[in-house]
PDB file of N, CA and C in Angstrom:
ATOM      1  N   UNK A   1      -2.714   6.660   1.410  1.00  0.00           N
ATOM      2  CA  UNK A   1      -2.504   5.695   0.731  1.00  0.00           C
ATOM      3  C   UNK A   1      -0.606   6.159   0.005  1.00  0.00           C
ATOM      4  N   UNK A   2      -0.019   4.684   0.520  1.00  0.00           N
ATOM      5  CA  UNK A   2       1.173   4.907  -0.237  1.00  0.00           C
ATOM      6  C   UNK A   2       1.269   3.728  -0.516  1.00  0.00           C
ATOM      7  N   UNK A   3       1.878   3.716  -2.637  1.00  0.00           N
ATOM      8  CA  UNK A   3       1.859   1.883  -2.651  1.00  0.00           C
ATOM      9  C   UNK A   3       3.202   2.685  -3.642  1.00  0.00           C
ATOM     10  N   UNK A   4       3.377   0.987  -4.174  1.00  0.00           N
ATOM     11  CA  UNK A   4       4.454   1.578  -4.768  1.00  0.00           C
ATOM     12  C   UNK A   4       3.925   1.153  -6.798  1.00  0.00           C
ATOM     13  N   UNK A   5       4.314   1.332  -7.447  1.00  0.00           N
ATOM     14  CA  UNK A   5       4.292   1.191  -8.816  1.00  0.00           C
ATOM     15  C   UNK A   5       3.224   0.535  -9.373  1.00  0.00           C
ATOM     16  N   UNK A   6       3.627  -1.034  -8.643  1.00  0.00           N
ATOM     17  CA  UNK A   6       3.005  -2.093  -9.526  1.00  0.00           C
ATOM     18  C   UNK A   6       2.105  -1.889  -9.000  1.00  0.00           C
ATOM     19  N   UNK A   7       1.728  -1.621  -7.637  1.00  0.00           N
ATOM     20  CA  UNK A   7       0.382  -1.907  -6.771  1.00  0.00           C
ATOM     21  C   UNK A   7      -0.284  -1.013  -7.573  1.00  0.00           C
ATOM     22  N   UNK A   8       0.020   0.620  -8.319  1.00  0.00           N
ATOM     23  CA  UNK A   8      -1.103   1.935  -9.009  1.00  0.00           C
ATOM     24  C   UNK A   8      -2.464   1.250  -9.220  1.00  0.00           C
ATOM     25  N   UNK A   9      -1.809   0.229 -10.325  1.00  0.00           N
ATOM     26  CA  UNK A   9      -2.873  -0.400 -11.265  1.00  0.00           C
ATOM     27  C   UNK A   9      -4.113  -1.068 -10.084  1.00  0.00           C
ATOM     28  N   UNK A  10      -3.927  -0.959  -9.164  1.00  0.00           N
ATOM     29  CA  UNK A  10      -4.837  -2.016  -8.455  1.00  0.00           C
ATOM     30  C   UNK A  10      -5.831  -0.549  -7.630  1.00  0.00           C
ATOM     31  N   UNK A  11      -5.340   0.168  -6.608  1.00  0.00           N
ATOM     32  CA  UNK A  11      -5.894   1.677  -6.912  1.00  0.00           C
ATOM     33  C   UNK A  11      -6.427   2.083  -7.664  1.00  0.00           C
ATOM     34  N   UNK A  12      -6.081   2.283  -9.324  1.00  0.00           N
ATOM     35  CA  UNK A  12      -6.646   3.168 -10.402  1.00  0.00           C
ATOM     36  C   UNK A  12      -7.565   2.533 -10.890  1.00  0.00           C
ATOM     37  N   UNK A  13      -7.445   1.065 -10.579  1.00  0.00           N
ATOM     38  CA  UNK A  13      -9.051   0.640 -10.415  1.00  0.00           C
ATOM     39  C   UNK A  13     -10.302   1.177  -9.786  1.00  0.00           C
ATOM     40  N   UNK A  14     -10.453   2.262  -8.917  1.00  0.00           N
ATOM     41  CA  UNK A  14     -11.181   1.518  -8.217  1.00  0.00           C
ATOM     42  C   UNK A  14     -10.766   4.112  -8.274  1.00  0.00           C
ATOM     43  N   UNK A  15     -10.170   4.481  -8.742  1.00  0.00           N
ATOM     44  CA  UNK A  15     -10.937   5.647  -8.783  1.00  0.00           C
ATOM     45  C   UNK A  15     -10.300   7.230  -7.086  1.00  0.00           C
ATOM     46  N   UNK A  16      -9.372   6.144  -7.016  1.00  0.00           N
ATOM     47  CA  UNK A  16      -9.135   6.997  -5.822  1.00  0.00           C
ATOM     48  C   UNK A  16      -7.676   7.323  -5.729  1.00  0.00           C
ATOM     49  N   UNK A  17      -7.730   9.109  -4.649  1.00  0.00           N
ATOM     50  CA  UNK A  17      -5.951   9.424  -5.037  1.00  0.00           C
ATOM     51  C   UNK A  17      -5.184   8.197  -4.396  1.00  0.00           C
ATOM     52  N   UNK A  18      -4.231   8.547  -4.802  1.00  0.00           N
ATOM     53  CA  UNK A  18      -2.876   7.633  -3.607  1.00  0.00           C
ATOM     54  C   UNK A  18      -1.508   8.591  -3.998  1.00  0.00           C
ATOM     55  N   UNK A  19      -0.888   8.286  -3.252  1.00  0.00           N
ATOM     56  CA  UNK A  19       0.468   8.262  -3.251  1.00  0.00           C
ATOM     57  C   UNK A  19       1.555   7.264  -3.415  1.00  0.00           C
ATOM     58  N   UNK A  20       2.387   7.893  -3.998  1.00  0.00           N
ATOM     59  CA  UNK A  20       3.841   7.067  -4.112  1.00  0.00           C
ATOM     60  C   UNK A  20       4.910   7.420  -4.019  1.00  0.00           C
ATOM     61  N   UNK A  21       5.347   6.897  -2.721  1.00  0.00           N
ATOM     62  CA  UNK A  21       6.243   7.307  -1.695  1.00  0.00           C
ATOM     63  C   UNK A  21       7.876   6.731  -2.468  1.00  0.00           C
ATOM     64  N   UNK A  22       8.866   7.130  -3.052  1.00  0.00           N
ATOM     65  CA  UNK A  22      10.132   5.926  -3.835  1.00  0.00           C
ATOM     66  C   UNK A  22      11.068   6.545  -1.880  1.00  0.00           C
ATOM     67  N   UNK A  23      10.557   5.386  -1.622  1.00  0.00           N
ATOM     68  CA  UNK A  23      12.355   5.255  -0.323  1.00  0.00           C
ATOM     69  C   UNK A  23      13.772   4.615  -1.291  1.00  0.00           C
ATOM     70  N   UNK A  24      13.287   4.348  -2.259  1.00  0.00           N
ATOM     71  CA  UNK A  24      14.575   3.739  -2.807  1.00  0.00           C
ATOM     72  C   UNK A  24      16.280   4.186  -2.641  1.00  0.00           C
ATOM     73  N   UNK A  25      15.655   5.688  -2.590  1.00  0.00           N
ATOM     74  CA  UNK A  25      16.926   7.035  -3.238  1.00  0.00           C
ATOM     75  C   UNK A  25      16.710   7.334  -2.276  1.00  0.00           C
ATOM     76  N   UNK A  26      16.379   6.938  -0.253  1.00  0.00           N
ATOM     77  CA  UNK A  26      16.559   7.319   0.837  1.00  0.00           C
ATOM     78  C   UNK A  26      17.060   5.971   1.837  1.00  0.00           C
ATOM     79  N   UNK A  27      17.971   5.885   2.287  1.00  0.00           N
ATOM     80  CA  UNK A  27      18.305   4.178   2.491  1.00  0.00           C
ATOM     81  C   UNK A  27      17.626   4.577   3.930  1.00  0.00           C
ATOM     82  N   UNK A  28      18.039   6.243   4.722  1.00  0.00           N
ATOM     83  CA  UNK A  28      17.043   6.199   6.252  1.00  0.00           C
ATOM     84  C   UNK A  28      15.815   6.104   5.982  1.00  0.00           C
ATOM     85  N   UNK A  29      14.881   6.538   5.521  1.00  0.00           N
ATOM     86  CA  UNK A  29      13.354   6.046   4.949  1.00  0.00           C
ATOM     87  C   UNK A  29      13.527   5.140   5.363  1.00  0.00           C
ATOM     88  N   UNK A  30      13.981   4.575   3.420  1.00  0.00           N
ATOM     89  CA  UNK A  30      13.900   2.685   3.847  1.00  0.00           C
ATOM     90  C   UNK A  30      14.150   2.186   5.141  1.00  0.00           C
ATOM     91  N   UNK A  31      15.052   1.810   5.492  1.00  0.00           N
ATOM     92  CA  UNK A  31      15.040   1.216   6.872  1.00  0.00           C
ATOM     93  C   UNK A  31      13.715   1.943   8.349  1.00  0.00           C
ATOM     94  N   UNK A  32      14.041   3.503   7.784  1.00  0.00           N
ATOM     95  CA  UNK A  32      13.224   3.852   9.545  1.00  0.00           C
ATOM     96  C   UNK A  32      11.570   2.733   9.177  1.00  0.00           C
ATOM     97  N   UNK A  33      11.077   2.935   7.516  1.00  0.00           N
ATOM     98  CA  UNK A  33       9.773   1.963   6.818  1.00  0.00           C
ATOM     99  C   UNK A  33      10.044   0.553   7.788  1.00  0.00           C
ATOM    100  N   UNK A  34      10.832   0.130   7.695  1.00  0.00           N
ATOM    101  CA  UNK A  34      10.858  -0.990   7.492  1.00  0.00           C
ATOM    102  C   UNK A  34      11.142  -1.240   9.244  1.00  0.00           C
ATOM    103  N   UNK A  35      11.453  -0.921  10.184  1.00  0.00           N
ATOM    104  CA  UNK A  35      11.715  -0.973  11.507  1.00  0.00           C
ATOM    105  C   UNK A  35       9.517  -0.702  11.927  1.00  0.00           C
ATOM    106  N   UNK A  36       9.592   0.280  11.067  1.00  0.00           N
ATOM    107  CA  UNK A  36       8.056   0.513  11.597  1.00  0.00           C
ATOM    108  C   UNK A  36       7.531  -0.911  11.325  1.00  0.00           C
ATOM    109  N   UNK A  37       7.065  -1.171   9.931  1.00  0.00           N
ATOM    110  CA  UNK A  37       6.029  -2.078   9.753  1.00  0.00           C
ATOM    111  C   UNK A  37       6.570  -3.701  10.509  1.00  0.00           C
ATOM    112  N   UNK A  38       8.102  -3.378  10.526  1.00  0.00           N
ATOM    113  CA  UNK A  38       8.884  -4.957  11.304  1.00  0.00           C
ATOM    114  C   UNK A  38       8.560  -5.681   9.834  1.00  0.00           C
ATOM    115  N   UNK A  39       8.837  -5.018   8.540  1.00  0.00           N
ATOM    116  CA  UNK A  39       8.362  -6.002   7.084  1.00  0.00           C
ATOM    117  C   UNK A  39       9.301  -5.137   6.320  1.00  0.00           C
ATOM    118  N   UNK A  40      10.652  -6.614   6.256  1.00  0.00           N
ATOM    119  CA  UNK A  40      11.512  -5.682   5.753  1.00  0.00           C
ATOM    120  C   UNK A  40      11.543  -5.745   3.587  1.00  0.00           C
ATOM    121  N   UNK A  41      11.222  -5.712   2.873  1.00  0.00           N
ATOM    122  CA  UNK A  41      10.578  -5.789   1.961  1.00  0.00           C
ATOM    123  C   UNK A  41       9.514  -4.853   1.497  1.00  0.00           C
ATOM    124  N   UNK A  42       9.785  -4.237  -0.177  1.00  0.00           N
ATOM    125  CA  UNK A  42       9.195  -3.568  -0.601  1.00  0.00           C
ATOM    126  C   UNK A  42       8.565  -3.824  -1.989  1.00  0.00           C
ATOM    127  N   UNK A  43       7.208  -3.229  -2.166  1.00  0.00           N
ATOM    128  CA  UNK A  43       6.370  -2.329  -2.045  1.00  0.00           C
ATOM    129  C   UNK A  43       5.899  -2.466  -0.749  1.00  0.00           C
ATOM    130  N   UNK A  44       5.153  -0.934  -0.441  1.00  0.00           N
ATOM    131  CA  UNK A  44       4.633  -1.508   1.785  1.00  0.00           C
ATOM    132  C   UNK A  44       3.407  -1.082   1.489  1.00  0.00           C
ATOM    133  N   UNK A  45       2.599  -1.317   1.660  1.00  0.00           N
ATOM    134  CA  UNK A  45       0.813  -0.458   1.615  1.00  0.00           C
ATOM    135  C   UNK A  45       0.305  -0.683   2.692  1.00  0.00           C
ATOM    136  N   UNK A  46      -0.461   0.905   2.095  1.00  0.00           N
ATOM    137  CA  UNK A  46      -1.047   1.425   3.696  1.00  0.00           C
ATOM    138  C   UNK A  46      -2.144   2.208   3.171  1.00  0.00           C
ATOM    139  N   UNK A  47      -3.520   1.320   3.818  1.00  0.00           N
ATOM    140  CA  UNK A  47      -4.507   1.965   3.159  1.00  0.00           C
ATOM    141  C   UNK A  47      -4.974   2.602   4.995  1.00  0.00           C
ATOM    142  N   UNK A  48      -5.329   4.038   4.469  1.00  0.00           N
ATOM    143  CA  UNK A  48      -6.357   4.925   5.555  1.00  0.00           C
ATOM    144  C   UNK A  48      -5.302   4.636   7.016  1.00  0.00           C
ATOM    145  N   UNK A  49      -4.084   4.528   6.668  1.00  0.00           N
ATOM    146  CA  UNK A  49      -2.953   4.698   7.803  1.00  0.00           C
ATOM    147  C   UNK A  49      -2.185   3.196   8.477  1.00  0.00           C
ATOM    148  N   UNK A  50      -3.315   2.153   8.257  1.00  0.00           N
ATOM    149  CA  UNK A  50      -2.834   1.195   8.748  1.00  0.00           C
ATOM    150  C   UNK A  50      -2.526   0.553   7.131  1.00  0.00           C
ATOM    151  N   UNK A  51      -1.017  -0.416   7.701  1.00  0.00           N
ATOM    152  CA  UNK A  51       0.132  -0.875   7.195  1.00  0.00           C
ATOM    153  C   UNK A  51      -0.888  -2.741   6.671  1.00  0.00           C
ATOM    154  N   UNK A  52      -0.663  -2.544   5.269  1.00  0.00           N
ATOM    155  CA  UNK A  52      -1.049  -4.440   4.810  1.00  0.00           C
ATOM    156  C   UNK A  52      -0.025  -4.964   4.300  1.00  0.00           C
ATOM    157  N   UNK A  53       0.932  -4.582   4.003  1.00  0.00           N
ATOM    158  CA  UNK A  53       1.962  -5.884   3.419  1.00  0.00           C
ATOM    159  C   UNK A  53       2.759  -4.993   1.910  1.00  0.00           C
ATOM    160  N   UNK A  54       2.590  -6.326   1.517  1.00  0.00           N
ATOM    161  CA  UNK A  54       3.167  -5.938   0.227  1.00  0.00           C
ATOM    162  C   UNK A  54       2.595  -5.996  -1.042  1.00  0.00           C
ATOM    163  N   UNK A  55       2.852  -6.100  -2.111  1.00  0.00           N
ATOM    164  CA  UNK A  55       2.256  -6.583  -3.001  1.00  0.00           C
ATOM    165  C   UNK A  55       1.669  -8.062  -3.441  1.00  0.00           C
ATOM    166  N   UNK A  56       2.466  -8.640  -2.930  1.00  0.00           N
ATOM    167  CA  UNK A  56       1.888 -10.304  -3.094  1.00  0.00           C
ATOM    168  C   UNK A  56       0.645 -10.631  -2.081  1.00  0.00           C
ATOM    169  N   UNK A  57       0.698  -9.345  -0.782  1.00  0.00           N
ATOM    170  CA  UNK A  57      -0.485  -9.573   0.182  1.00  0.00           C
ATOM    171  C   UNK A  57      -1.480  -8.915  -0.295  1.00  0.00           C
ATOM    172  N   UNK A  58      -1.357  -7.687  -1.259  1.00  0.00           N
ATOM    173  CA  UNK A  58      -1.830  -6.924  -1.769  1.00  0.00           C
ATOM    174  C   UNK A  58      -3.109  -7.686  -3.452  1.00  0.00           C
ATOM    175  N   UNK A  59      -2.096  -8.327  -3.736  1.00  0.00           N
ATOM    176  CA  UNK A  59      -2.830  -8.970  -5.012  1.00  0.00           C
ATOM    177  C   UNK A  59      -3.863 -10.224  -4.226  1.00  0.00           C
ATOM    178  N   UNK A  60      -3.107 -10.797  -3.202  1.00  0.00           N
ATOM    179  CA  UNK A  60      -3.923 -11.567  -2.048  1.00  0.00           C
ATOM    180  C   UNK A  60      -5.545 -10.963  -2.098  1.00  0.00           C
ATOM    181  N   UNK A  61      -5.306  -9.786  -0.909  1.00  0.00           N
ATOM    182  CA  UNK A  61      -6.254  -9.273  -0.610  1.00  0.00           C
ATOM    183  C   UNK A  61      -7.677  -8.783  -1.651  1.00  0.00           C
ATOM    184  N   UNK A  62      -6.977  -8.591  -3.288  1.00  0.00           N
ATOM    185  CA  UNK A  62      -7.977  -8.656  -4.087  1.00  0.00           C
ATOM    186  C   UNK A  62      -8.428  -9.110  -4.799  1.00  0.00           C
ATOM    187  N   UNK A  63      -7.766 -10.563  -4.848  1.00  0.00           N
ATOM    188  CA  UNK A  63      -8.861 -11.234  -5.516  1.00  0.00           C
ATOM    189  C   UNK A  63      -9.673 -11.662  -4.464  1.00  0.00           C
ATOM    190  N   UNK A  64      -9.909 -11.408  -3.184  1.00  0.00           N
ATOM    191  CA  UNK A  64     -10.063 -12.057  -2.364  1.00  0.00           C
ATOM    192  C   UNK A  64     -11.400 -11.143  -1.801  1.00  0.00           C
ATOM    193  N   UNK A  65     -11.394 -10.380  -2.839  1.00  0.00           N
ATOM    194  CA  UNK A  65     -12.383  -8.583  -2.752  1.00  0.00           C
ATOM    195  C   UNK A  65     -12.689  -7.579  -1.629  1.00  0.00           C
ATOM    196  N   UNK A  66     -11.099  -8.012  -0.889  1.00  0.00           N
ATOM    197  CA  UNK A  66     -10.909  -7.552   0.414  1.00  0.00           C
ATOM    198  C   UNK A  66     -10.489  -5.894   0.218  1.00  0.00           C
ATOM    199  N   UNK A  67      -9.850  -5.677  -0.971  1.00  0.00           N
ATOM    200  CA  UNK A  67      -9.840  -4.050  -1.345  1.00  0.00           C
ATOM    201  C   UNK A  67     -10.865  -2.784  -1.321  1.00  0.00           C
ATOM    202  N   UNK A  68     -11.439  -2.999  -2.061  1.00  0.00           N
ATOM    203  CA  UNK A  68     -12.622  -2.567  -2.502  1.00  0.00           C
ATOM    204  C   UNK A  68     -13.080  -1.999  -1.231  1.00  0.00           C
ATOM    205  N   UNK A  69     -13.978  -2.653  -0.011  1.00  0.00           N
ATOM    206  CA  UNK A  69     -14.676  -2.577   0.885  1.00  0.00           C
ATOM    207  C   UNK A  69     -13.969  -1.900   2.067  1.00  0.00           C
ATOM    208  N   UNK A  70     -12.033  -1.964   1.865  1.00  0.00           N
ATOM    209  CA  UNK A  70     -11.355  -1.554   2.812  1.00  0.00           C
ATOM    210  C   UNK A  70     -10.976   0.125   2.684  1.00  0.00           C
ATOM    211  N   UNK A  71     -11.601   0.056   0.591  1.00  0.00           N
ATOM    212  CA  UNK A  71     -11.317   1.824   0.307  1.00  0.00           C
ATOM    213  C   UNK A  71     -12.228   1.986   0.690  1.00  0.00           C
ATOM    214  N   UNK A  72     -13.474   1.812   0.204  1.00  0.00           N
ATOM    215  CA  UNK A  72     -14.343   2.524   0.598  1.00  0.00           C
ATOM    216  C   UNK A  72     -14.531   3.072   2.120  1.00  0.00           C
ATOM    217  N   UNK A  73     -14.171   2.029   3.047  1.00  0.00           N
ATOM    218  CA  UNK A  73     -14.013   2.745   4.290  1.00  0.00           C
ATOM    219  C   UNK A  73     -13.091   4.172   4.192  1.00  0.00           C
ATOM    220  N   UNK A  74     -11.998   4.239   4.374  1.00  0.00           N
ATOM    221  CA  UNK A  74     -10.897   5.239   3.763  1.00  0.00           C
ATOM    222  C   UNK A  74     -11.681   6.566   3.406  1.00  0.00           C
ATOM    223  N   UNK A  75     -12.423   6.557   2.387  1.00  0.00           N
ATOM    224  CA  UNK A  75     -13.263   7.337   2.013  1.00  0.00           C
ATOM    225  C   UNK A  75     -14.071   7.449   1.349  1.00  0.00           C
ATOM    226  N   UNK A  76     -14.985   6.838   3.001  1.00  0.00           N
ATOM    227  CA  UNK A  76     -15.952   7.711   3.699  1.00  0.00           C
ATOM    228  C   UNK A  76     -17.522   7.169   2.773  1.00  0.00           C
ATOM    229  N   UNK A  77     -17.169   5.850   2.231  1.00  0.00           N
ATOM    230  CA  UNK A  77     -17.786   5.865   0.931  1.00  0.00           C
ATOM    231  C   UNK A  77     -18.962   4.681   1.577  1.00  0.00           C
TER     232      UNK A  77
END
């Protein structure tokens, strides 16, 4: 799972491991990630290899109770 600093509190809440990848220091990686996801803004959240969006999308998903089931599936619970 890749997350950005602001999103880490959402994932810390569930106690699953996650990785923060700083693409701000590497413009080539940042551009490649934007092209791969067709999403220009940061942060980008991936769960179980699938791209879900940025902080706004994750916040909406969390409010609807959609994040926890994704994490349970991703971690085989």
